Amino acid sequence: MAMESALLTDLINGYAFTTDCLELGAAIVDGAVRPEAQVRVPLSMLNRHGLIAGATGTGKTVTLQVMAEQLAVAGVPVFLADIKGDLSGLAQPAEPSAKLDERLSGIGHAFTARSNTVEFLALGQGSDGIPVRATVDCFGPILLARVLELNETQEQVLQLVFHYANTRKLPLDDLKDLKSVLDHLLSAEGKEDLRTLGGVSPASASVILRGLSILQAQGLDPFFGQPEFDTADLLRSAGTGVISVLELPALNRQPLLFSTFLMWLLADLFDELPEAGDLDKPKLVFFLDEAHLLFKGASAAFTEAIISTVRLIRSKGVGLFFISQSPADLPDEVLAQLGTRVQHAVRVFTPKDAEALKKVMGTFPAGALDLKTALTQAGVGEAVITVLGEKGVPTPAAWTRLTSPGSRIGPADAPVVSGIIAASSLAARYSTALDRDSAHELLTGQPAAGQPVDAPPAAPPRTPEPAAPGSPGSAEIDEEARRIAESILGKPTTVPASDFPMPDYRQAPEPDPAPRARQGKESKPRGEASPRRQAERAQTGELLDFALDAANMLGREVLRGMFGTRRRKRR
């Protein structure tokens, strides 16, 4: 009894916050719900990220719906993905019932039916929502390589192809643009261009080309193209926050594209949002469902980019919530950044499950609660919760009976969804796909749809010829340019040496014959310098020219974010 009293007191005091909060439910102590021990999370701590985990059927989706609804009421925009098709109910009020009233009264809450301001989105063209598209160029080579399931070498090749298209001013809007660039590089006309890229074998380019053809065959063409979705549209709030629901009923067969697309959205938000510091409430809360897909088979570089995003995006005012079956699905470096943890029941059927339970228990602060009992015996709609308090200190773990949303649990009626889509203010900007003159049209000479047939295509710039053998333009200049470029960037460059643009020294103008005056000394005529000194002067000038070219190229590459996504200006 003394233990029960101590635990109850700790819970009451631990969750007694004075600022605005999300109300999650009431604590269960010694098998009984205690309404006086309300479990909540401060709005100001939601940009410290969180985790909603638990076995299938334990209530993770309803927990997500509860949090999304209360965030919207507080004026915070929300983004979430609807994989199973049962989150559209956020747009329609729930029906009251005696059973629901009884459950809520037991935790000290009351039912209030409500509908929310919801925007339905869909990847590419479709009837499930407003189309969301990204240009291939903005999506970037790193994320696209993940969708294509390329190995590390092939990913590097793809990055070089993107760089080639950028330097040749060949816009990559859709998959056919990237295919046309690859076709050009593999053709007789593009053979020299392919060679000057360095390290790009025809075999690797062919593998990428086949992968793009497979994506097209799977019907993923509509996702890539114009007009491109502006992630600023996720940040809207009109009194209440807008809940952007990405409908993904057909994406179950393409989970890798779905998870990678979410990272594209996050990368774009991270690149574009200004620093915000600590806020009373976040600018946006982003729920990442099926979070294990982000890390399954991911390269070390990709995983590190996710970890860096999680660590840094907090300062932009964005909160991330990962939804998965087990915390073990996430790297330890990510788990360490998650301040709010909502752990639904853990089912233990095998020795592997027992080992996973120990890991889950290790993610909660030590306290009076019997974590093993709570985690294995929690019922549907119950969870073990800990959050960061107003001062950033973790609260005691609380076995909690969760509250219910005021909106419908399950899909909304089809007429409700179609009416919201038809009335959306985003429809005018995104509903109609655009096809402008981009890489495909420039390389093939075919005008884009709606373009004049007789419009002459712009020819790609001439590929610089390589330096003559024995000239000072090969290995020594290449290495010096890399050294200077790395000193400018302050870090090693990942761009291969052979990808630096080589100036055409054979057409370089002759140096100015007028000697430079030296302070305090009479300058010598050029003819009096030794042949060795003249060679050193020529080498220095060429190195400087080449280093500037390399630095300019690297400067363009820096415009891409940590996932290789193209940065762009807001409207």
Protein backbone atom coordinates (compact mmCIF):
# COMPACT_ATOMS: atom_id res chain seq x y z
CA MET A 1 0.00 0.00 0.00
CA ALA A 2 2.89 2.31 0.82
CA MET A 3 4.44 1.47 -2.56
CA GLU A 4 1.13 2.25 -4.28
CA SER A 5 0.87 5.55 -2.45
CA ALA A 6 4.45 6.49 -3.39
CA LEU A 7 3.89 5.63 -7.07
CA LEU A 8 0.59 7.54 -7.20
CA THR A 9 2.20 10.59 -5.59
CA ASP A 10 5.14 10.44 -8.02
CA LEU A 11 2.77 10.28 -10.98
CA ILE A 12 0.56 13.13 -9.79
CA ASN A 13 3.55 15.36 -9.14
CA GLY A 14 5.50 14.21 -12.20
CA TYR A 15 2.74 15.18 -14.67
CA ALA A 16 1.49 18.35 -12.92
CA PHE A 17 2.46 20.79 -15.69
CA THR A 18 1.43 24.44 -15.79
CA THR A 19 1.72 25.04 -19.56
CA ASP A 20 -0.54 23.85 -22.41
CA CYS A 21 -0.49 20.08 -22.81
CA LEU A 22 -1.87 17.17 -24.79
CA GLU A 23 -4.08 15.07 -22.53
CA LEU A 24 -3.19 11.40 -23.07
CA GLY A 25 -5.15 9.63 -20.34
CA ALA A 26 -5.04 8.57 -16.68
CA ALA A 27 -2.57 6.36 -14.84
CA ILE A 28 -3.31 2.80 -13.75
CA VAL A 29 -2.00 2.03 -10.28
CA ASP A 30 -2.33 -1.45 -8.78
CA GLY A 31 -4.80 -2.47 -11.48
CA ALA A 32 -7.15 0.50 -10.99
CA VAL A 33 -7.47 3.64 -13.09
CA ARG A 34 -6.73 6.75 -11.03
CA PRO A 35 -8.32 9.86 -12.64
CA GLU A 36 -6.45 12.14 -10.26
CA ALA A 37 -3.18 11.03 -11.94
CA GLN A 38 -3.60 12.58 -15.39
CA VAL A 39 -0.88 11.75 -17.94
CA ARG A 40 -0.06 14.56 -20.33
CA VAL A 41 2.76 15.97 -22.45
CA PRO A 42 3.67 19.70 -22.67
CA LEU A 43 3.24 21.24 -26.12
CA SER A 44 6.60 22.97 -25.73
CA MET A 45 8.33 19.58 -25.52
CA LEU A 46 6.83 18.04 -28.66
CA ASN A 47 9.67 19.25 -30.86
CA ARG A 48 11.90 16.95 -28.76
CA HIS A 49 10.39 14.11 -30.81
CA GLY A 50 8.76 10.88 -29.72
CA LEU A 51 7.96 7.22 -30.33
CA ILE A 52 4.67 5.34 -30.53
CA ALA A 53 5.40 1.61 -30.47
CA GLY A 54 3.60 -1.65 -29.84
CA ALA A 55 2.45 -4.92 -31.33
CA THR A 56 -0.14 -5.03 -34.10
CA GLY A 57 -3.66 -4.37 -32.83
CA THR A 58 -2.70 -2.69 -29.55
CA GLY A 59 -3.96 0.79 -30.50
CA LYS A 60 -1.04 2.70 -32.03
CA THR A 61 -3.19 4.23 -34.79
CA VAL A 62 -5.81 5.53 -32.33
CA THR A 63 -3.04 7.03 -30.16
CA LEU A 64 -1.73 8.81 -33.22
CA GLN A 65 -5.26 10.09 -33.96
CA VAL A 66 -5.71 11.35 -30.39
CA MET A 67 -2.46 13.30 -30.55
CA ALA A 68 -3.07 14.67 -34.06
CA GLU A 69 -6.54 15.90 -33.12
CA GLN A 70 -5.39 17.68 -29.96
CA LEU A 71 -2.45 19.24 -31.79
CA ALA A 72 -4.82 20.63 -34.42
CA VAL A 73 -7.07 22.07 -31.69
CA ALA A 74 -3.99 23.79 -30.24
CA GLY A 75 -3.28 25.38 -33.64
CA VAL A 76 -0.37 23.08 -34.55
CA PRO A 77 -0.30 21.71 -38.14
CA VAL A 78 0.15 17.94 -38.43
CA PHE A 79 1.41 15.65 -41.17
CA LEU A 80 0.70 11.91 -41.10
CA ALA A 81 0.57 9.03 -43.55
CA ASP A 82 -2.52 6.84 -43.83
CA ILE A 83 -1.20 3.46 -44.89
CA LYS A 84 -4.18 1.34 -43.89
CA GLY A 85 -6.79 3.87 -44.98
CA ASP A 86 -8.37 4.34 -41.54
CA LEU A 87 -7.16 7.84 -40.60
CA SER A 88 -9.55 9.69 -42.90
CA GLY A 89 -11.99 9.51 -39.96
CA LEU A 90 -10.22 12.60 -38.59
CA ALA A 91 -12.44 14.61 -40.95
CA GLN A 92 -15.73 13.29 -39.55
CA PRO A 93 -17.14 13.51 -35.99
CA ALA A 94 -17.55 10.30 -34.01
CA GLU A 95 -20.92 9.07 -32.85
CA PRO A 96 -21.50 9.10 -29.07
CA SER A 97 -22.18 5.82 -27.30
CA ALA A 98 -22.76 4.61 -23.76
CA LYS A 99 -19.65 2.44 -23.90
CA LEU A 100 -17.48 5.36 -24.98
CA ASP A 101 -18.96 7.64 -22.28
CA GLU A 102 -18.25 5.00 -19.65
CA ARG A 103 -14.65 4.58 -20.75
CA LEU A 104 -13.94 8.30 -20.79
CA SER A 105 -15.66 9.04 -17.50
CA GLY A 106 -13.48 6.37 -15.91
CA ILE A 107 -10.36 8.38 -16.72
CA GLY A 108 -11.89 11.75 -15.86
CA HIS A 109 -12.59 12.83 -19.45
CA ALA A 110 -15.78 13.65 -21.34
CA PHE A 111 -16.68 12.94 -24.96
CA THR A 112 -16.88 15.87 -27.38
CA ALA A 113 -17.62 15.05 -31.01
CA ARG A 114 -15.53 17.03 -33.47
CA SER A 115 -14.36 17.05 -37.06
CA ASN A 116 -10.97 18.46 -37.99
CA THR A 117 -9.62 20.57 -40.82
CA VAL A 118 -8.09 17.87 -42.99
CA GLU A 119 -6.21 18.04 -46.29
CA PHE A 120 -6.01 14.76 -48.21
CA LEU A 121 -2.85 14.21 -50.26
CA ALA A 122 -1.81 11.44 -52.64
CA LEU A 123 1.51 10.53 -54.25
CA GLY A 124 1.27 11.46 -57.91
CA GLN A 125 -1.96 11.64 -59.82
CA GLY A 126 -4.98 9.94 -58.25
CA SER A 127 -8.43 10.34 -56.79
CA ASP A 128 -7.39 9.80 -53.16
CA GLY A 129 -6.15 13.35 -52.63
CA ILE A 130 -4.35 16.41 -53.98
CA PRO A 131 -1.37 15.18 -56.05
CA VAL A 132 2.03 15.47 -54.41
CA ARG A 133 4.92 15.50 -56.88
CA ALA A 134 8.65 16.07 -56.72
CA THR A 135 11.00 16.73 -59.59
CA VAL A 136 13.74 14.14 -60.00
CA ASP A 137 16.29 16.92 -59.54
CA CYS A 138 14.80 18.07 -56.22
CA PHE A 139 14.32 14.51 -54.99
CA GLY A 140 18.05 14.07 -55.47
CA PRO A 141 20.41 11.19 -56.26
CA ILE A 142 20.77 9.82 -52.73
CA LEU A 143 17.05 9.31 -52.12
CA LEU A 144 16.47 8.09 -55.68
CA ALA A 145 19.29 5.57 -55.28
CA ARG A 146 17.50 4.22 -52.22
CA VAL A 147 14.24 3.80 -54.16
CA LEU A 148 16.14 2.05 -56.96
CA GLU A 149 17.96 -0.10 -54.36
CA LEU A 150 21.35 0.71 -55.84
CA ASN A 151 24.60 -0.34 -54.23
CA GLU A 152 27.15 2.21 -53.05
CA THR A 153 29.08 2.29 -56.33
CA GLN A 154 25.92 2.70 -58.40
CA GLU A 155 24.74 5.47 -56.06
CA GLN A 156 27.98 7.35 -56.69
CA VAL A 157 27.48 6.91 -60.43
CA LEU A 158 23.98 8.35 -60.12
CA GLN A 159 25.37 11.37 -58.29
CA LEU A 160 27.79 11.98 -61.15
CA VAL A 161 24.94 11.73 -63.67
CA PHE A 162 22.99 14.35 -61.70
CA HIS A 163 26.06 16.57 -61.66
CA TYR A 164 26.47 16.11 -65.42
CA ALA A 165 22.85 17.16 -66.03
CA ASN A 166 23.30 20.16 -63.74
CA THR A 167 26.44 21.42 -65.46
CA ARG A 168 24.87 20.90 -68.91
CA LYS A 169 21.71 22.78 -67.83
CA LEU A 170 19.48 19.76 -68.48
CA PRO A 171 16.51 20.00 -66.08
CA LEU A 172 15.49 16.65 -64.56
CA ASP A 173 11.75 16.91 -63.99
CA ASP A 174 10.56 13.33 -64.39
CA LEU A 175 11.86 9.81 -64.95
CA LYS A 176 11.96 10.15 -68.73
CA ASP A 177 14.35 13.10 -68.32
CA LEU A 178 16.81 11.03 -66.32
CA LYS A 179 16.41 8.12 -68.74
CA SER A 180 17.16 10.44 -71.67
CA VAL A 181 20.36 11.66 -70.00
CA LEU A 182 21.47 8.06 -69.41
CA ASP A 183 20.51 7.09 -72.97
CA HIS A 184 22.60 10.00 -74.23
CA LEU A 185 25.62 8.96 -72.15
CA LEU A 186 25.37 5.39 -73.43
CA SER A 187 24.98 6.48 -77.06
CA ALA A 188 27.75 7.04 -79.60
CA GLU A 189 27.22 10.82 -79.29
CA GLY A 190 27.55 10.76 -75.52
CA LYS A 191 30.47 8.34 -75.34
CA GLU A 192 32.99 11.14 -74.80
CA ASP A 193 30.79 12.75 -72.14
CA LEU A 194 30.58 9.43 -70.31
CA ARG A 195 34.34 9.04 -70.40
CA THR A 196 35.01 12.52 -69.01
CA LEU A 197 32.71 11.84 -66.03
CA GLY A 198 35.30 9.37 -64.79
CA GLY A 199 34.45 6.19 -62.91
CA VAL A 200 31.10 5.82 -64.69
CA SER A 201 31.03 2.48 -66.43
CA PRO A 202 28.43 1.74 -69.11
CA ALA A 203 27.40 -1.29 -67.03
CA SER A 204 26.51 0.85 -64.00
CA ALA A 205 24.62 3.34 -66.15
CA SER A 206 22.69 0.45 -67.71
CA VAL A 207 21.71 -0.88 -64.26
CA ILE A 208 20.30 2.53 -63.32
CA LEU A 209 18.48 2.73 -66.64
CA ARG A 210 16.83 -0.66 -66.06
CA GLY A 211 15.80 0.40 -62.54
CA LEU A 212 14.11 3.50 -63.90
CA SER A 213 12.25 1.39 -66.46
CA ILE A 214 11.00 -0.87 -63.66
CA LEU A 215 9.72 2.15 -61.70
CA GLN A 216 7.85 3.31 -64.77
CA ALA A 217 6.39 -0.16 -65.30
CA GLN A 218 5.16 -0.12 -61.69
CA GLY A 219 3.22 3.08 -62.36
CA LEU A 220 5.41 5.45 -60.34
CA ASP A 221 5.85 7.96 -63.18
CA PRO A 222 3.13 10.35 -61.89
CA PHE A 223 4.99 11.02 -58.63
CA PHE A 224 7.95 12.66 -60.40
CA GLY A 225 7.23 15.86 -62.27
CA GLN A 226 5.73 19.34 -62.18
CA PRO A 227 4.18 21.20 -60.44
CA GLU A 228 6.30 20.30 -57.45
CA PHE A 229 4.72 20.20 -54.00
CA ASP A 230 5.79 23.02 -51.69
CA THR A 231 6.25 21.73 -48.15
CA ALA A 232 5.26 25.18 -46.87
CA ASP A 233 1.69 24.00 -47.53
CA LEU A 234 2.09 21.58 -44.61
CA LEU A 235 2.48 24.49 -42.19
CA ARG A 236 -0.96 26.02 -42.57
CA SER A 237 -3.11 26.95 -39.60
CA ALA A 238 -6.45 28.79 -39.66
CA GLY A 239 -7.35 28.99 -36.00
CA THR A 240 -6.87 25.24 -35.81
CA GLY A 241 -3.97 23.40 -37.36
CA VAL A 242 -4.48 21.71 -40.71
CA ILE A 243 -4.00 17.92 -40.58
CA SER A 244 -2.38 16.81 -43.86
CA VAL A 245 -3.20 13.13 -44.41
CA LEU A 246 -1.17 11.37 -47.08
CA GLU A 247 -3.36 8.57 -48.42
CA LEU A 248 -1.30 5.53 -49.41
CA PRO A 249 -3.73 2.66 -50.11
CA ALA A 250 -1.84 1.59 -53.23
CA LEU A 251 1.64 2.03 -51.75
CA ASN A 252 1.68 -1.19 -49.75
CA ARG A 253 3.53 -2.73 -52.68
CA GLN A 254 6.09 0.10 -52.67
CA PRO A 255 7.01 0.65 -49.00
CA LEU A 256 10.52 1.82 -49.90
CA LEU A 257 9.20 4.69 -52.03
CA PHE A 258 6.80 5.68 -49.26
CA SER A 259 9.46 5.81 -46.54
CA THR A 260 11.96 7.57 -48.80
CA PHE A 261 9.32 10.12 -49.82
CA LEU A 262 8.77 10.99 -46.15
CA MET A 263 12.48 11.69 -45.83
CA TRP A 264 12.28 13.94 -48.90
CA LEU A 265 9.56 15.98 -47.18
CA LEU A 266 11.63 16.20 -44.02
CA ALA A 267 14.80 17.11 -45.92
CA ASP A 268 12.96 19.89 -47.76
CA LEU A 269 11.52 21.24 -44.51
CA PHE A 270 14.92 21.11 -42.86
CA ASP A 271 16.62 22.94 -45.72
CA GLU A 272 14.00 25.66 -46.03
CA LEU A 273 12.80 26.47 -42.50
CA PRO A 274 14.68 29.11 -40.50
CA GLU A 275 16.07 28.48 -37.05
CA ALA A 276 13.31 28.90 -34.46
CA GLY A 277 14.82 27.95 -31.10
CA ASP A 278 12.55 26.90 -28.23
CA LEU A 279 8.88 27.62 -28.95
CA ASP A 280 5.72 27.43 -26.85
CA LYS A 281 4.44 24.93 -29.40
CA PRO A 282 5.97 23.37 -32.53
CA LYS A 283 5.44 24.72 -36.05
CA LEU A 284 4.62 21.22 -37.28
CA VAL A 285 4.44 17.69 -35.89
CA PHE A 286 5.38 15.00 -38.38
CA PHE A 287 4.32 11.39 -37.77
CA LEU A 288 6.53 8.79 -39.49
CA ASP A 289 4.54 5.57 -39.74
CA GLU A 290 6.23 2.22 -40.47
CA ALA A 291 9.47 3.81 -39.27
CA HIS A 292 11.42 0.56 -39.54
CA LEU A 293 11.29 0.93 -43.35
CA LEU A 294 13.52 3.99 -43.11
CA PHE A 295 16.44 1.93 -41.81
CA LYS A 296 15.86 -1.47 -43.42
CA GLY A 297 18.81 -2.09 -45.72
CA ALA A 298 19.90 1.55 -45.48
CA SER A 299 23.53 2.44 -46.06
CA ALA A 300 25.59 3.89 -43.23
CA ALA A 301 25.56 7.29 -44.95
CA PHE A 302 21.78 7.30 -45.34
CA THR A 303 21.26 6.27 -41.72
CA GLU A 304 23.65 8.96 -40.55
CA ALA A 305 21.72 11.55 -42.57
CA ILE A 306 18.48 10.50 -40.83
CA ILE A 307 20.16 10.71 -37.43
CA SER A 308 21.47 14.19 -38.23
CA THR A 309 18.03 15.31 -39.40
CA VAL A 310 16.39 14.08 -36.19
CA ARG A 311 19.03 15.81 -34.11
CA LEU A 312 18.93 19.15 -35.92
CA ILE A 313 15.36 19.67 -37.11
CA ARG A 314 14.20 20.31 -33.53
CA SER A 315 15.72 23.78 -33.75
CA LYS A 316 13.52 24.46 -36.80
CA GLY A 317 10.39 23.95 -34.66
CA VAL A 318 9.45 20.55 -36.12
CA GLY A 319 8.57 17.57 -33.94
CA LEU A 320 8.98 13.99 -35.24
CA PHE A 321 7.10 10.96 -33.98
CA PHE A 322 8.22 7.53 -35.13
CA ILE A 323 5.56 4.80 -35.22
CA SER A 324 6.81 1.22 -35.23
CA GLN A 325 6.23 -2.14 -33.59
CA SER A 326 9.39 -2.07 -31.51
CA PRO A 327 12.00 0.48 -30.41
CA ALA A 328 14.55 -2.05 -31.63
CA ASP A 329 13.55 -1.05 -35.17
CA LEU A 330 15.33 2.28 -34.67
CA PRO A 331 19.06 2.97 -34.20
CA ASP A 332 20.18 3.83 -30.69
CA GLU A 333 21.26 7.29 -31.89
CA VAL A 334 17.66 8.01 -32.93
CA LEU A 335 16.13 6.57 -29.76
CA ALA A 336 18.37 8.84 -27.71
CA GLN A 337 16.68 11.87 -29.32
CA LEU A 338 13.09 10.82 -28.52
CA GLY A 339 11.73 12.57 -25.44
CA THR A 340 8.14 11.22 -25.51
CA ARG A 341 7.62 7.42 -25.47
CA VAL A 342 4.25 5.76 -25.80
CA GLN A 343 4.80 2.00 -25.62
CA HIS A 344 1.77 -0.18 -26.19
CA ALA A 345 1.76 -3.85 -25.20
CA VAL A 346 4.75 -6.06 -26.00
CA ARG A 347 3.82 -9.63 -26.88
CA VAL A 348 6.32 -12.25 -25.70
CA PHE A 349 6.02 -15.60 -27.46
CA THR A 350 9.63 -16.51 -28.26
CA PRO A 351 13.10 -16.09 -26.71
CA LYS A 352 13.71 -13.35 -29.26
CA ASP A 353 10.59 -11.55 -28.00
CA ALA A 354 11.87 -11.85 -24.43
CA GLU A 355 15.16 -10.27 -25.46
CA ALA A 356 13.29 -7.46 -27.20
CA LEU A 357 11.25 -6.86 -24.02
CA LYS A 358 14.46 -6.28 -22.05
CA LYS A 359 15.54 -3.67 -24.60
CA VAL A 360 12.17 -1.91 -24.39
CA MET A 361 12.36 -1.83 -20.59
CA GLY A 362 15.82 -0.28 -20.87
CA THR A 363 14.40 2.73 -22.73
CA PHE A 364 12.31 3.87 -19.73
CA PRO A 365 13.59 5.68 -16.64
CA ALA A 366 13.87 3.56 -13.50
CA GLY A 367 11.05 3.99 -11.00
CA ALA A 368 8.44 2.31 -8.85
CA LEU A 369 6.43 0.89 -11.79
CA ASP A 370 6.88 -2.82 -12.55
CA LEU A 371 7.73 -2.31 -16.24
CA LYS A 372 7.72 -6.00 -17.16
CA THR A 373 4.20 -6.48 -15.85
CA ALA A 374 2.89 -3.26 -17.34
CA LEU A 375 4.39 -3.85 -20.79
CA THR A 376 3.20 -7.44 -21.11
CA GLN A 377 -0.25 -7.05 -19.53
CA ALA A 378 -1.35 -3.70 -20.98
CA GLY A 379 -4.66 -4.05 -22.78
CA VAL A 380 -5.81 -2.52 -26.05
CA GLY A 381 -5.91 1.25 -25.62
CA GLU A 382 -3.36 1.18 -22.81
CA ALA A 383 0.32 2.06 -22.90
CA VAL A 384 3.35 2.77 -20.74
CA ILE A 385 4.28 6.44 -21.15
CA THR A 386 7.12 8.75 -20.21
CA VAL A 387 7.56 12.31 -21.49
CA LEU A 388 9.89 15.25 -21.01
CA GLY A 389 8.62 17.68 -18.42
CA GLU A 390 8.65 21.45 -18.80
CA LYS A 391 12.26 21.58 -17.65
CA GLY A 392 13.36 18.73 -19.89
CA VAL A 393 13.42 16.08 -17.14
CA PRO A 394 11.84 12.68 -17.94
CA THR A 395 8.66 11.92 -16.04
CA PRO A 396 8.05 8.66 -14.16
CA ALA A 397 6.86 5.80 -16.36
CA ALA A 398 3.06 5.59 -16.18
CA TRP A 399 0.87 2.64 -17.13
CA THR A 400 -1.87 4.66 -18.80
CA ARG A 401 -5.40 4.11 -20.02
CA LEU A 402 -5.56 6.33 -23.06
CA THR A 403 -8.29 8.78 -23.98
CA SER A 404 -10.33 8.62 -27.21
CA PRO A 405 -10.56 11.10 -30.11
CA GLY A 406 -13.66 13.15 -30.85
CA SER A 407 -13.44 12.20 -34.52
CA ARG A 408 -14.40 8.87 -36.06
CA ILE A 409 -12.14 5.89 -35.46
CA GLY A 410 -11.83 4.31 -38.89
CA PRO A 411 -12.42 5.57 -42.45
CA ALA A 412 -14.64 8.57 -43.11
CA ASP A 413 -17.58 8.26 -45.48
CA ALA A 414 -16.50 8.45 -49.14
CA PRO A 415 -18.65 11.54 -49.92
CA VAL A 416 -17.00 13.41 -47.03
CA VAL A 417 -13.51 12.68 -48.37
CA SER A 418 -14.35 13.49 -52.00
CA GLY A 419 -16.04 16.74 -50.93
CA ILE A 420 -12.93 17.86 -49.01
CA ILE A 421 -10.68 17.06 -51.97
CA ALA A 422 -12.93 18.93 -54.41
CA ALA A 423 -13.06 22.02 -52.19
CA SER A 424 -9.31 22.10 -51.44
CA SER A 425 -7.53 25.41 -52.03
CA LEU A 426 -4.51 23.40 -53.24
CA ALA A 427 -6.36 21.84 -56.16
CA ALA A 428 -5.81 24.79 -58.49
CA ARG A 429 -2.03 24.61 -58.03
CA TYR A 430 -1.36 20.89 -58.02
CA SER A 431 -4.19 18.97 -59.71
CA THR A 432 -2.99 19.39 -63.32
CA ALA A 433 0.38 17.89 -64.23
CA LEU A 434 2.73 20.10 -66.28
CA ASP A 435 5.29 19.04 -68.86
CA ARG A 436 7.87 21.68 -69.70
CA ASP A 437 10.92 21.52 -71.96
CA SER A 438 13.40 19.61 -69.82
CA ALA A 439 16.23 17.12 -70.39
CA HIS A 440 14.18 14.71 -72.51
CA GLU A 441 13.00 17.42 -74.88
CA LEU A 442 16.39 19.15 -75.06
CA LEU A 443 18.23 15.93 -75.90
CA THR A 444 15.69 14.43 -78.30
CA GLY A 445 14.46 17.61 -79.94
CA GLN A 446 10.85 16.77 -79.13
CA PRO A 447 8.83 19.70 -77.74
CA ALA A 448 6.93 19.19 -74.51
CA ALA A 449 3.15 18.97 -74.56
CA GLY A 450 1.73 22.41 -75.30
CA GLN A 451 5.04 23.72 -76.67
CA PRO A 452 5.41 24.95 -80.28
CA VAL A 453 6.44 22.11 -82.56
CA ASP A 454 8.92 24.27 -84.47
CA ALA A 455 10.66 25.54 -81.34
CA PRO A 456 14.35 24.65 -81.76
CA PRO A 457 15.73 22.63 -78.85
CA ALA A 458 18.55 24.13 -76.85
CA ALA A 459 21.70 22.15 -77.42
CA PRO A 460 23.62 21.09 -74.31
CA PRO A 461 26.89 22.97 -73.77
CA ARG A 462 29.98 21.52 -75.38
CA THR A 463 31.90 19.05 -73.29
CA PRO A 464 35.39 20.46 -72.57
CA GLU A 465 38.14 18.49 -74.25
CA PRO A 466 40.59 16.78 -71.90
CA ALA A 467 44.04 18.28 -71.41
CA ALA A 468 46.73 17.00 -73.71
CA PRO A 469 48.99 14.25 -72.34
CA GLY A 470 51.98 15.67 -70.55
CA SER A 471 50.37 19.05 -69.99
CA PRO A 472 50.07 20.46 -66.44
CA GLY A 473 46.33 19.76 -66.46
CA SER A 474 46.07 16.18 -65.23
CA ALA A 475 47.13 14.53 -61.97
CA GLU A 476 49.00 17.42 -60.29
CA ILE A 477 46.36 20.03 -61.10
CA ASP A 478 43.59 17.60 -60.18
CA GLU A 479 45.09 16.97 -56.75
CA GLU A 480 45.83 20.65 -56.09
CA ALA A 481 42.30 21.66 -57.04
CA ARG A 482 40.93 19.05 -54.66
CA ARG A 483 43.15 20.38 -51.86
CA ILE A 484 42.06 23.99 -52.43
CA ALA A 485 38.40 23.04 -52.76
CA GLU A 486 38.51 21.05 -49.51
CA SER A 487 40.12 23.99 -47.71
CA ILE A 488 37.27 26.20 -48.95
CA LEU A 489 34.59 23.76 -47.80
CA GLY A 490 36.32 22.94 -44.54
CA LYS A 491 35.80 19.22 -45.05
CA PRO A 492 36.81 16.44 -47.48
CA THR A 493 34.88 16.45 -50.71
CA THR A 494 33.10 13.31 -51.91
CA VAL A 495 33.25 14.39 -55.55
CA PRO A 496 35.72 12.13 -57.41
CA ALA A 497 38.82 13.86 -58.71
CA SER A 498 37.96 12.94 -62.27
CA ASP A 499 34.63 14.80 -61.96
CA PHE A 500 36.24 18.22 -61.60
CA PRO A 501 35.64 20.33 -64.73
CA MET A 502 38.87 20.43 -66.70
CA PRO A 503 39.63 23.77 -68.38
CA ASP A 504 40.86 23.69 -71.98
CA TYR A 505 44.43 24.85 -71.52
CA ARG A 506 45.25 24.55 -75.21
CA GLN A 507 42.97 27.51 -75.91
CA ALA A 508 44.05 29.53 -72.85
CA PRO A 509 45.21 33.08 -73.61
CA GLU A 510 48.88 33.86 -73.39
CA PRO A 511 49.93 35.37 -70.05
CA ASP A 512 50.33 39.13 -69.91
CA PRO A 513 53.95 39.83 -70.87
CA ALA A 514 54.05 42.90 -68.63
CA PRO A 515 55.89 41.97 -65.41
CA ARG A 516 54.32 42.60 -62.01
CA ALA A 517 56.09 45.31 -60.03
CA ARG A 518 57.48 44.20 -56.69
CA GLN A 519 57.36 46.56 -53.73
CA GLY A 520 60.79 48.09 -53.08
CA LYS A 521 62.41 46.29 -56.01
CA GLU A 522 62.77 46.89 -59.71
CA SER A 523 60.97 44.16 -61.59
CA LYS A 524 62.87 42.04 -64.03
CA PRO A 525 61.87 41.78 -67.67
CA ARG A 526 60.12 38.47 -68.40
CA GLY A 527 62.92 37.36 -70.65
CA GLU A 528 65.38 37.37 -67.71
CA ALA A 529 63.42 34.71 -65.75
CA SER A 530 64.78 31.18 -65.86
CA PRO A 531 62.84 28.54 -67.84
CA ARG A 532 62.03 26.77 -64.56
CA ARG A 533 60.57 29.98 -63.08
CA GLN A 534 58.49 30.56 -66.19
CA ALA A 535 57.10 27.02 -65.96
CA GLU A 536 56.25 27.55 -62.28
CA ARG A 537 54.37 30.75 -63.11
CA ALA A 538 52.38 29.02 -65.85
CA GLN A 539 51.62 26.09 -63.54
CA THR A 540 50.41 28.44 -60.76
CA GLY A 541 48.06 30.33 -63.06
CA GLU A 542 46.58 27.13 -64.43
CA LEU A 543 46.18 25.68 -60.93
CA LEU A 544 44.35 28.80 -59.80
CA ASP A 545 42.02 28.75 -62.81
CA PHE A 546 41.28 25.11 -62.30
CA ALA A 547 40.80 25.46 -58.54
CA LEU A 548 38.27 28.24 -59.13
CA ASP A 549 36.38 26.04 -61.58
CA ALA A 550 36.42 23.21 -59.03
CA ALA A 551 35.28 25.49 -56.22
CA ASN A 552 32.42 26.80 -58.36
CA MET A 553 31.31 23.25 -59.10
CA LEU A 554 31.52 22.27 -55.43
CA GLY A 555 29.60 25.40 -54.51
CA ARG A 556 26.77 24.21 -56.72
CA GLU A 557 26.90 20.79 -55.10
CA VAL A 558 26.69 22.35 -51.60
CA LEU A 559 23.29 23.74 -52.61
CA ARG A 560 22.02 20.22 -52.06
CA GLY A 561 21.03 19.16 -48.56
CA MET A 562 22.35 16.23 -46.57
CA PHE A 563 20.12 13.82 -48.53
CA GLY A 564 21.23 15.26 -51.87
CA THR A 565 17.91 17.10 -52.24
CA ARG A 566 17.85 20.35 -54.22
CA ARG A 567 17.26 23.46 -52.14
CA ARG A 568 14.74 25.95 -53.45
CA LYS A 569 13.30 29.31 -52.52
CA ARG A 570 9.93 29.63 -50.84
CA ARG A 571 7.11 31.49 -52.51
